[in-house]
């Protein structure tokens, strides 16, 4: 299974929703809290091609986007195949 990384902050409801979906699917992920770390936020923005909002979600080398994008992938039935790629 592909490694999953999610950039978050502690107070972000969308971050909690994205983590909940991944957890329900049994997907382990690495959470990177950018709330108090400007260097990690800069890293996230660079990796996300300028994306500055959280969450920013990566599956392997693929930038999924945010929470809505993750849920859209799941509804379309494409999340499982991306995780297994």
C-alpha atoms as a PDB file:
ATOM      1  CA  UNK A   1       0.000   0.000   0.000  1.00  0.00           C
ATOM      2  CA  UNK A   2       1.175   3.495  -0.810  1.00  0.00           C
ATOM      3  CA  UNK A   3       2.397   5.741   1.991  1.00  0.00           C
ATOM      4  CA  UNK A   4      -0.114   8.441   2.901  1.00  0.00           C
ATOM      5  CA  UNK A   5       0.915  11.820   4.302  1.00  0.00           C
ATOM      6  CA  UNK A   6      -1.514  14.468   5.476  1.00  0.00           C
ATOM      7  CA  UNK A   7      -0.540  18.005   6.434  1.00  0.00           C
ATOM      8  CA  UNK A   8      -2.874  19.292   9.151  1.00  0.00           C
ATOM      9  CA  UNK A   9      -3.494  21.707  11.982  1.00  0.00           C
ATOM     10  CA  UNK A  10      -5.110  20.752  15.275  1.00  0.00           C
ATOM     11  CA  UNK A  11      -8.147  23.019  14.897  1.00  0.00           C
ATOM     12  CA  UNK A  12      -9.065  22.135  11.297  1.00  0.00           C
ATOM     13  CA  UNK A  13     -12.412  20.358  10.947  1.00  0.00           C
ATOM     14  CA  UNK A  14     -11.615  19.296   7.371  1.00  0.00           C
ATOM     15  CA  UNK A  15      -8.379  17.725   8.626  1.00  0.00           C
ATOM     16  CA  UNK A  16     -10.327  15.712  11.191  1.00  0.00           C
ATOM     17  CA  UNK A  17     -12.828  14.595   8.520  1.00  0.00           C
ATOM     18  CA  UNK A  18     -10.044  13.474   6.154  1.00  0.00           C
ATOM     19  CA  UNK A  19      -8.289  11.553   8.930  1.00  0.00           C
ATOM     20  CA  UNK A  20     -11.605   9.955   9.914  1.00  0.00           C
ATOM     21  CA  UNK A  21     -12.190   8.689   6.358  1.00  0.00           C
ATOM     22  CA  UNK A  22      -8.681   7.251   6.134  1.00  0.00           C
ATOM     23  CA  UNK A  23      -9.053   5.601   9.541  1.00  0.00           C
ATOM     24  CA  UNK A  24     -12.433   4.097   8.592  1.00  0.00           C
ATOM     25  CA  UNK A  25     -10.785   2.635   5.498  1.00  0.00           C
ATOM     26  CA  UNK A  26      -8.019   1.124   7.623  1.00  0.00           C
ATOM     27  CA  UNK A  27      -5.374   3.321   6.006  1.00  0.00           C
ATOM     28  CA  UNK A  28      -2.405   4.255   8.129  1.00  0.00           C
ATOM     29  CA  UNK A  29      -1.008   7.717   7.510  1.00  0.00           C
ATOM     30  CA  UNK A  30       1.668  10.097   8.655  1.00  0.00           C
ATOM     31  CA  UNK A  31       0.278  13.336  10.032  1.00  0.00           C
ATOM     32  CA  UNK A  32       2.403  16.461   9.742  1.00  0.00           C
ATOM     33  CA  UNK A  33       1.114  19.320  11.917  1.00  0.00           C
ATOM     34  CA  UNK A  34       1.992  22.632  10.272  1.00  0.00           C
ATOM     35  CA  UNK A  35       0.208  24.777  12.867  1.00  0.00           C
ATOM     36  CA  UNK A  36       3.310  25.754  14.769  1.00  0.00           C
ATOM     37  CA  UNK A  37       6.063  24.934  12.302  1.00  0.00           C
ATOM     38  CA  UNK A  38       6.629  27.503   9.537  1.00  0.00           C
ATOM     39  CA  UNK A  39       9.228  25.247   7.884  1.00  0.00           C
ATOM     40  CA  UNK A  40       6.729  22.377   7.582  1.00  0.00           C
ATOM     41  CA  UNK A  41       4.075  24.782   6.228  1.00  0.00           C
ATOM     42  CA  UNK A  42       6.563  25.991   3.599  1.00  0.00           C
ATOM     43  CA  UNK A  43       7.359  22.367   2.727  1.00  0.00           C
ATOM     44  CA  UNK A  44       3.640  21.631   2.363  1.00  0.00           C
ATOM     45  CA  UNK A  45       3.054  24.666   0.146  1.00  0.00           C
ATOM     46  CA  UNK A  46       5.932  23.688  -2.122  1.00  0.00           C
ATOM     47  CA  UNK A  47       4.837  20.057  -2.408  1.00  0.00           C
ATOM     48  CA  UNK A  48       1.214  21.101  -3.004  1.00  0.00           C
ATOM     49  CA  UNK A  49       2.151  23.424  -5.889  1.00  0.00           C
ATOM     50  CA  UNK A  50       1.203  26.522  -3.918  1.00  0.00           C
ATOM     51  CA  UNK A  51      -1.628  24.991  -1.882  1.00  0.00           C
ATOM     52  CA  UNK A  52      -1.712  26.807   1.439  1.00  0.00           C
ATOM     53  CA  UNK A  53      -4.838  25.430   3.079  1.00  0.00           C
ATOM     54  CA  UNK A  54      -5.013  22.300   5.192  1.00  0.00           C
ATOM     55  CA  UNK A  55      -5.350  19.458   4.843  1.00  0.00           C
ATOM     56  CA  UNK A  56      -3.022  18.712   1.959  1.00  0.00           C
ATOM     57  CA  UNK A  57      -3.020  14.984   1.280  1.00  0.00           C
ATOM     58  CA  UNK A  58      -0.455  12.906  -0.568  1.00  0.00           C
ATOM     59  CA  UNK A  59      -0.740   9.250  -1.534  1.00  0.00           C
ATOM     60  CA  UNK A  60       2.705   8.094  -2.549  1.00  0.00           C
ATOM     61  CA  UNK A  61       3.972  10.810  -4.881  1.00  0.00           C
ATOM     62  CA  UNK A  62       0.434  11.818  -5.913  1.00  0.00           C
ATOM     63  CA  UNK A  63      -0.955  15.061  -4.539  1.00  0.00           C
ATOM     64  CA  UNK A  64      -4.612  14.300  -3.853  1.00  0.00           C
ATOM     65  CA  UNK A  65      -5.483  17.795  -2.645  1.00  0.00           C
ATOM     66  CA  UNK A  66      -7.738  18.554   0.289  1.00  0.00           C
ATOM     67  CA  UNK A  67     -10.533  16.860   2.185  1.00  0.00           C
ATOM     68  CA  UNK A  68     -13.159  17.395  -0.525  1.00  0.00           C
ATOM     69  CA  UNK A  69     -10.799  15.898  -3.107  1.00  0.00           C
ATOM     70  CA  UNK A  70     -10.188  12.852  -0.914  1.00  0.00           C
ATOM     71  CA  UNK A  71     -13.922  12.263  -0.445  1.00  0.00           C
ATOM     72  CA  UNK A  72     -14.540  12.763  -4.187  1.00  0.00           C
ATOM     73  CA  UNK A  73     -11.918  10.110  -4.982  1.00  0.00           C
ATOM     74  CA  UNK A  74     -13.598   7.752  -2.554  1.00  0.00           C
ATOM     75  CA  UNK A  75     -17.095   8.382  -3.985  1.00  0.00           C
ATOM     76  CA  UNK A  76     -15.756   7.795  -7.510  1.00  0.00           C
ATOM     77  CA  UNK A  77     -14.285   4.460  -6.403  1.00  0.00           C
ATOM     78  CA  UNK A  78     -10.742   5.590  -7.225  1.00  0.00           C
ATOM     79  CA  UNK A  79      -9.252   5.894  -3.753  1.00  0.00           C
ATOM     80  CA  UNK A  80      -8.678   2.163  -3.276  1.00  0.00           C
ATOM     81  CA  UNK A  81      -6.787   1.800  -6.559  1.00  0.00           C
ATOM     82  CA  UNK A  82      -4.646   4.860  -5.794  1.00  0.00           C
ATOM     83  CA  UNK A  83      -3.752   3.424  -2.398  1.00  0.00           C
ATOM     84  CA  UNK A  84      -2.807   0.076  -3.951  1.00  0.00           C
ATOM     85  CA  UNK A  85      -0.876   1.493  -6.937  1.00  0.00           C
END
